[in-house]
Amino acid sequence: MTAVVAAPAVPVTPAKKRRRRRDWRAIGAFAVLTGPVVLGLGLFKYVAIGWSFLLSFNDARGTITLGNWIGFGNYAFLLGDDAFLTSLSTIAIFTVFIVPITFIASLGLAVLINSIRRGRAFFRTVFLIPAAVSYVVAALVWKMALFNGLPSGVANVVGGLFGADPVPWLSTTSPPVYWVAVVSLRLWLQVGLYMILFLAGLQAISPSLYEAGELDGTTKWQAFRYLTLPQLRNTSVAVLLLILIAAFQAFDEFYNLFGTGLSGTATAPVKPPLVYLYDSALGDQNYGVGSAGAFLLTVLIVVITLLQGRFVGFGKKD
């Protein structure tokens, strides 16, 4: 019978004990530093989202407590409410305007800045600065200085140079010239950010491609069409998705441009879904309808984003 000899136990040296204690101290320090962040994120974001989802199935008027379950009643109300459906058509019109204009403007600026030799950093900074400006501040500048409807307003002064009469930009509905203020504000705020993304994509293109194109006698337009655009495919898809999602989340510019003090947006010529939901939840204190609308809008954004990603081939290899 063979005897089994047990391996001698490896003694734990004082150095290993100290190292183990230091590891526990590091874990404790990590927990102390990240614990409040994780707790706050879970409580004020994920728990709030879950509670809002439950509220969407309740008749929660003036309260956020659960108990008065009505099933899909809030969802059915929204889908049959003309005001909510009108807000969806409003954001669709806004998206149709803002997505292609923002894409073309940001790509054009990126190409122009990438083509200059001196002052590139200066122009890049100048166009990026508006992206750091608060939407509320920018909207108030647009409302009180540029498109205030007075003869002394910047837009009317410029129009007067061409013989145009003063126009109340934010209240004229026929024709709906308020779209000029809304679209120009969004462009000023966002074009610089997407320009930076395109500029990064342009600078990642190998110069040897353009050198080979010059040897083949390609023109500048042909180089842009057959060399630049294909190389910017992934960047273009990502920018399109970001612009689309941001368009459906429009709130600040509409609320601050058309808000009129105590009456809020009651006299606004147009309301996107988020303004409608804001008025429902915080104005009428109908938190059930507000929660249901938020989840309907989320589902709509996800579906449209997935369809657009599938259409343009997001994630596919070149």
Protein backbone atom coordinates (compact mmCIF):
# COMPACT_ATOMS: atom_id res chain seq x y z
CA MET A 1 0.00 0.00 0.00
CA THR A 2 1.49 3.29 -1.09
CA ALA A 3 1.58 5.98 1.52
CA VAL A 4 0.37 9.41 0.46
CA VAL A 5 2.64 12.10 1.66
CA ALA A 6 0.95 15.45 2.13
CA ALA A 7 2.69 18.45 0.66
CA PRO A 8 4.05 20.75 3.28
CA ALA A 9 2.02 23.86 3.84
CA VAL A 10 3.50 27.00 2.36
CA PRO A 11 4.08 29.42 5.18
CA VAL A 12 2.50 32.84 4.82
CA THR A 13 5.22 35.38 5.17
CA PRO A 14 4.65 38.75 6.82
CA ALA A 15 5.17 40.39 3.42
CA LYS A 16 2.26 38.42 1.92
CA LYS A 17 0.07 39.32 4.88
CA ARG A 18 0.88 42.99 4.39
CA ARG A 19 0.14 42.67 0.66
CA ARG A 20 -3.21 41.03 1.44
CA ARG A 21 -4.06 43.82 3.86
CA ARG A 22 -3.15 46.41 1.25
CA ASP A 23 -5.49 44.69 -1.25
CA TRP A 24 -8.38 44.89 1.20
CA ARG A 25 -7.61 48.52 1.81
CA ALA A 26 -7.68 49.17 -1.95
CA ILE A 27 -11.01 47.37 -2.26
CA GLY A 28 -12.38 49.37 0.64
CA ALA A 29 -11.18 52.63 -0.85
CA PHE A 30 -12.70 51.70 -4.23
CA ALA A 31 -16.03 50.91 -2.55
CA VAL A 32 -16.01 54.21 -0.64
CA LEU A 33 -15.26 56.21 -3.78
CA THR A 34 -17.63 54.46 -6.18
CA GLY A 35 -20.37 53.43 -3.76
CA PRO A 36 -22.15 56.82 -3.60
CA VAL A 37 -22.02 57.13 -7.40
CA VAL A 38 -23.41 53.64 -7.98
CA LEU A 39 -26.06 54.14 -5.31
CA GLY A 40 -27.11 57.50 -6.70
CA LEU A 41 -27.14 56.21 -10.28
CA GLY A 42 -29.22 53.19 -9.33
CA LEU A 43 -31.65 55.13 -7.15
CA PHE A 44 -32.17 58.26 -9.21
CA LYS A 45 -31.91 56.70 -12.67
CA TYR A 46 -32.70 53.00 -12.88
CA VAL A 47 -35.16 52.87 -9.99
CA ALA A 48 -36.79 56.04 -11.33
CA ILE A 49 -37.09 54.50 -14.81
CA GLY A 50 -38.64 51.36 -13.37
CA TRP A 51 -41.06 53.37 -11.23
CA SER A 52 -41.98 55.50 -14.24
CA PHE A 53 -42.71 52.34 -16.23
CA LEU A 54 -45.09 51.17 -13.51
CA LEU A 55 -46.70 54.61 -13.35
CA SER A 56 -47.50 54.37 -17.06
CA PHE A 57 -50.05 51.64 -16.17
CA ASN A 58 -51.67 53.74 -13.42
CA ASP A 59 -54.10 56.62 -13.30
CA ALA A 60 -51.53 58.82 -11.53
CA ARG A 61 -53.04 62.30 -11.41
CA GLY A 62 -51.36 64.52 -8.86
CA THR A 63 -49.52 61.59 -7.29
CA ILE A 64 -46.66 59.21 -8.04
CA THR A 65 -47.97 56.39 -5.87
CA LEU A 66 -49.08 53.13 -7.43
CA GLY A 67 -52.39 51.40 -6.91
CA ASN A 68 -54.94 52.73 -9.40
CA TRP A 69 -54.07 50.30 -12.20
CA ILE A 70 -55.68 50.97 -15.58
CA GLY A 71 -53.58 48.70 -17.81
CA PHE A 72 -52.80 50.22 -21.19
CA GLY A 73 -55.31 53.04 -20.72
CA ASN A 74 -52.65 55.79 -20.79
CA TYR A 75 -51.11 54.37 -23.95
CA ALA A 76 -54.50 54.14 -25.63
CA PHE A 77 -55.26 57.73 -24.61
CA LEU A 78 -52.02 58.99 -26.15
CA LEU A 79 -52.45 57.10 -29.40
CA GLY A 80 -55.93 58.60 -29.72
CA ASP A 81 -54.98 62.13 -28.63
CA ASP A 82 -54.77 64.56 -31.55
CA ALA A 83 -52.33 66.80 -29.65
CA PHE A 84 -49.86 63.97 -29.10
CA LEU A 85 -50.15 62.79 -32.71
CA THR A 86 -49.60 66.37 -33.87
CA SER A 87 -46.46 66.56 -31.75
CA LEU A 88 -45.17 63.43 -33.49
CA SER A 89 -45.78 65.01 -36.90
CA THR A 90 -44.01 68.15 -35.67
CA ILE A 91 -40.89 66.24 -34.69
CA ALA A 92 -41.03 64.33 -37.97
CA ILE A 93 -41.00 67.61 -39.93
CA PHE A 94 -38.20 68.93 -37.74
CA THR A 95 -36.19 65.75 -38.32
CA VAL A 96 -36.68 65.92 -42.08
CA PHE A 97 -35.19 69.43 -42.07
CA ILE A 98 -32.49 69.17 -39.45
CA VAL A 99 -30.90 65.79 -40.22
CA PRO A 100 -29.78 66.38 -43.84
CA ILE A 101 -28.92 70.05 -43.27
CA THR A 102 -26.80 69.30 -40.20
CA PHE A 103 -25.09 66.39 -41.94
CA ILE A 104 -24.22 68.37 -45.08
CA ALA A 105 -23.15 71.49 -43.18
CA SER A 106 -20.90 69.61 -40.74
CA LEU A 107 -19.33 67.52 -43.52
CA GLY A 108 -18.75 70.60 -45.67
CA LEU A 109 -17.11 72.51 -42.84
CA ALA A 110 -14.91 69.54 -42.00
CA VAL A 111 -13.73 69.26 -45.60
CA LEU A 112 -13.01 72.99 -45.81
CA ILE A 113 -11.10 73.12 -42.52
CA ASN A 114 -9.17 69.97 -43.37
CA SER A 115 -8.08 71.52 -46.67
CA ILE A 116 -6.51 74.66 -45.20
CA ARG A 117 -2.87 74.69 -44.17
CA ARG A 118 -2.74 77.48 -41.61
CA GLY A 119 -5.25 78.36 -38.92
CA ARG A 120 -6.86 74.92 -38.83
CA ALA A 121 -6.84 74.77 -35.03
CA PHE A 122 -8.31 78.29 -34.82
CA PHE A 123 -11.26 77.55 -37.10
CA ARG A 124 -11.82 74.18 -35.47
CA THR A 125 -12.11 75.87 -32.08
CA VAL A 126 -14.34 78.66 -33.39
CA PHE A 127 -16.89 76.23 -34.82
CA LEU A 128 -16.74 73.94 -31.79
CA ILE A 129 -17.38 76.64 -29.17
CA PRO A 130 -21.18 76.78 -29.78
CA ALA A 131 -21.41 73.09 -28.82
CA ALA A 132 -20.41 74.10 -25.28
CA VAL A 133 -23.15 76.75 -25.00
CA SER A 134 -26.28 75.94 -23.01
CA TYR A 135 -29.36 75.30 -25.13
CA VAL A 136 -31.37 77.52 -22.80
CA VAL A 137 -28.96 80.44 -23.12
CA ALA A 138 -28.76 80.10 -26.90
CA ALA A 139 -32.54 79.88 -27.22
CA LEU A 140 -33.00 83.05 -25.17
CA VAL A 141 -30.46 84.89 -27.34
CA TRP A 142 -32.34 83.75 -30.46
CA LYS A 143 -35.66 84.77 -28.92
CA MET A 144 -34.71 88.14 -27.41
CA ALA A 145 -32.11 89.41 -29.88
CA LEU A 146 -32.12 87.68 -33.24
CA PHE A 147 -35.78 86.75 -33.87
CA ASN A 148 -37.67 88.97 -31.38
CA GLY A 149 -40.03 90.25 -34.08
CA LEU A 150 -39.17 93.91 -33.44
CA PRO A 151 -37.85 96.18 -36.19
CA SER A 152 -34.61 96.38 -34.18
CA GLY A 153 -34.20 92.61 -34.11
CA VAL A 154 -31.16 91.27 -35.94
CA ALA A 155 -33.18 89.15 -38.38
CA ASN A 156 -35.51 92.05 -39.26
CA VAL A 157 -32.60 94.48 -39.61
CA VAL A 158 -30.91 92.14 -42.08
CA GLY A 159 -34.21 91.64 -43.91
CA GLY A 160 -34.70 95.41 -44.04
CA LEU A 161 -31.45 95.77 -45.97
CA PHE A 162 -33.16 93.82 -48.76
CA GLY A 163 -36.43 95.73 -48.52
CA ALA A 164 -38.36 93.20 -46.39
CA ASP A 165 -40.89 94.29 -43.77
CA PRO A 166 -40.42 93.33 -40.08
CA VAL A 167 -41.70 89.83 -39.36
CA PRO A 168 -42.86 88.40 -35.99
CA TRP A 169 -40.76 85.29 -36.54
CA LEU A 170 -41.89 83.18 -33.59
CA SER A 171 -45.64 83.79 -33.91
CA THR A 172 -46.22 83.82 -37.67
CA THR A 173 -47.83 80.54 -38.71
CA SER A 174 -48.69 81.33 -42.33
CA PRO A 175 -46.11 80.86 -43.66
CA PRO A 176 -44.48 79.03 -40.72
CA VAL A 177 -41.33 81.18 -40.58
CA TYR A 178 -40.72 80.10 -36.97
CA TRP A 179 -38.94 77.08 -38.43
CA VAL A 180 -36.15 79.41 -39.52
CA ALA A 181 -35.44 80.27 -35.89
CA VAL A 182 -35.71 76.68 -34.66
CA VAL A 183 -33.56 75.12 -37.39
CA SER A 184 -30.91 77.86 -37.33
CA LEU A 185 -30.59 77.55 -33.55
CA ARG A 186 -30.10 73.79 -33.69
CA LEU A 187 -27.59 74.15 -36.53
CA TRP A 188 -25.53 76.73 -34.63
CA LEU A 189 -25.42 74.50 -31.56
CA GLN A 190 -24.64 71.15 -33.17
CA VAL A 191 -22.80 71.59 -36.48
CA GLY A 192 -19.45 72.16 -34.75
CA LEU A 193 -19.65 68.92 -32.77
CA TYR A 194 -20.36 66.74 -35.80
CA MET A 195 -17.77 68.68 -37.78
CA ILE A 196 -15.15 67.48 -35.28
CA LEU A 197 -16.23 63.88 -35.83
CA PHE A 198 -15.95 64.24 -39.60
CA LEU A 199 -12.61 66.01 -39.22
CA ALA A 200 -11.27 63.09 -37.22
CA GLY A 201 -12.43 60.73 -39.95
CA LEU A 202 -10.83 62.85 -42.67
CA GLN A 203 -7.50 62.97 -40.89
CA ALA A 204 -7.50 59.17 -40.61
CA ILE A 205 -7.59 58.77 -44.40
CA SER A 206 -4.22 57.86 -45.83
CA PRO A 207 -2.75 60.62 -48.08
CA SER A 208 -1.48 57.91 -50.40
CA LEU A 209 -5.04 57.38 -51.67
CA TYR A 210 -5.23 60.96 -52.90
CA GLU A 211 -1.73 60.76 -54.34
CA ALA A 212 -2.72 57.69 -56.34
CA GLY A 213 -5.85 59.50 -57.49
CA GLU A 214 -3.84 62.47 -58.70
CA LEU A 215 -1.64 60.14 -60.73
CA ASP A 216 -4.79 58.74 -62.35
CA GLY A 217 -5.98 62.27 -63.19
CA THR A 218 -8.99 62.45 -60.85
CA THR A 219 -10.61 65.83 -60.26
CA LYS A 220 -11.35 67.21 -56.79
CA TRP A 221 -15.00 66.21 -57.07
CA GLN A 222 -14.10 62.69 -58.16
CA ALA A 223 -11.62 62.39 -55.29
CA PHE A 224 -14.33 63.48 -52.87
CA ARG A 225 -16.97 61.20 -54.40
CA TYR A 226 -14.92 58.04 -54.86
CA LEU A 227 -12.23 58.36 -52.19
CA THR A 228 -13.36 60.59 -49.32
CA LEU A 229 -16.99 59.52 -48.97
CA PRO A 230 -16.30 55.75 -48.98
CA GLN A 231 -13.57 56.21 -46.37
CA LEU A 232 -15.98 58.23 -44.21
CA ARG A 233 -18.71 55.59 -44.36
CA ASN A 234 -18.54 54.50 -40.71
CA THR A 235 -18.23 58.09 -39.48
CA SER A 236 -21.16 59.16 -41.65
CA VAL A 237 -23.40 56.40 -40.33
CA ALA A 238 -22.54 57.24 -36.72
CA VAL A 239 -23.17 60.95 -37.28
CA LEU A 240 -26.52 60.25 -38.95
CA LEU A 241 -27.64 58.13 -36.02
CA LEU A 242 -26.55 60.77 -33.50
CA ILE A 243 -28.32 63.57 -35.39
CA LEU A 244 -31.50 61.52 -35.69
CA ILE A 245 -31.62 60.63 -32.00
CA ALA A 246 -30.88 64.23 -30.99
CA ALA A 247 -33.67 65.48 -33.28
CA PHE A 248 -36.29 63.28 -31.64
CA GLN A 249 -35.11 64.47 -28.22
CA ALA A 250 -35.61 68.15 -29.06
CA PHE A 251 -37.00 70.09 -26.10
CA ASP A 252 -34.97 73.10 -24.94
CA GLU A 253 -35.12 75.14 -28.12
CA PHE A 254 -38.89 74.64 -28.56
CA TYR A 255 -39.72 75.27 -24.90
CA ASN A 256 -37.57 78.38 -24.51
CA LEU A 257 -38.32 79.89 -27.92
CA PHE A 258 -42.10 79.55 -27.63
CA GLY A 259 -42.58 79.65 -23.85
CA THR A 260 -44.40 82.76 -22.62
CA GLY A 261 -43.86 82.97 -18.89
CA LEU A 262 -46.73 81.76 -16.71
CA SER A 263 -48.72 80.41 -19.64
CA GLY A 264 -45.83 78.14 -20.63
CA THR A 265 -46.19 76.76 -24.12
CA ALA A 266 -49.97 77.11 -24.32
CA THR A 267 -49.69 79.55 -27.22
CA ALA A 268 -46.80 77.78 -28.95
CA PRO A 269 -47.42 77.23 -32.67
CA VAL A 270 -45.74 73.81 -32.49
CA LYS A 271 -44.93 71.32 -29.76
CA PRO A 272 -42.59 68.34 -30.07
CA PRO A 273 -43.39 65.22 -28.03
CA LEU A 274 -41.11 66.12 -25.11
CA VAL A 275 -42.79 69.51 -24.66
CA TYR A 276 -46.20 67.83 -24.81
CA LEU A 277 -45.11 65.30 -22.17
CA TYR A 278 -43.60 68.04 -20.02
CA ASP A 279 -46.90 69.92 -20.05
CA SER A 280 -48.82 66.73 -19.27
CA ALA A 281 -46.61 65.58 -16.39
CA LEU A 282 -45.55 68.84 -14.75
CA GLY A 283 -48.29 71.14 -16.00
CA ASP A 284 -51.40 68.95 -15.67
CA GLN A 285 -49.64 66.66 -13.13
CA ASN A 286 -50.81 63.62 -15.04
CA TYR A 287 -47.76 61.49 -14.35
CA GLY A 288 -49.31 58.35 -15.78
CA VAL A 289 -49.79 59.88 -19.22
CA GLY A 290 -46.37 61.54 -19.04
CA SER A 291 -44.68 58.23 -18.21
CA ALA A 292 -46.54 56.35 -20.93
CA GLY A 293 -45.60 58.98 -23.49
CA ALA A 294 -41.95 58.80 -22.48
CA PHE A 295 -41.84 55.06 -23.12
CA LEU A 296 -43.73 55.39 -26.39
CA LEU A 297 -41.20 57.96 -27.57
CA THR A 298 -38.33 55.73 -26.42
CA VAL A 299 -39.68 52.79 -28.39
CA LEU A 300 -40.17 55.02 -31.44
CA ILE A 301 -36.57 56.29 -31.27
CA VAL A 302 -35.20 52.76 -30.87
CA VAL A 303 -37.23 51.40 -33.80
CA ILE A 304 -36.33 54.27 -36.14
CA THR A 305 -32.66 54.07 -35.12
CA LEU A 306 -32.56 50.32 -35.78
CA LEU A 307 -34.27 50.77 -39.15
CA GLN A 308 -31.88 53.52 -40.14
CA GLY A 309 -28.90 51.47 -38.95
CA ARG A 310 -30.08 48.52 -40.99
CA PHE A 311 -30.72 50.68 -44.04
CA VAL A 312 -27.29 52.34 -44.01
CA GLY A 313 -25.51 49.18 -42.90
CA PHE A 314 -24.34 50.24 -39.43
CA GLY A 315 -21.79 47.79 -38.04
CA LYS A 316 -21.05 46.07 -41.37
CA LYS A 317 -17.49 45.63 -42.47
CA ASP A 318 -16.17 47.64 -45.39
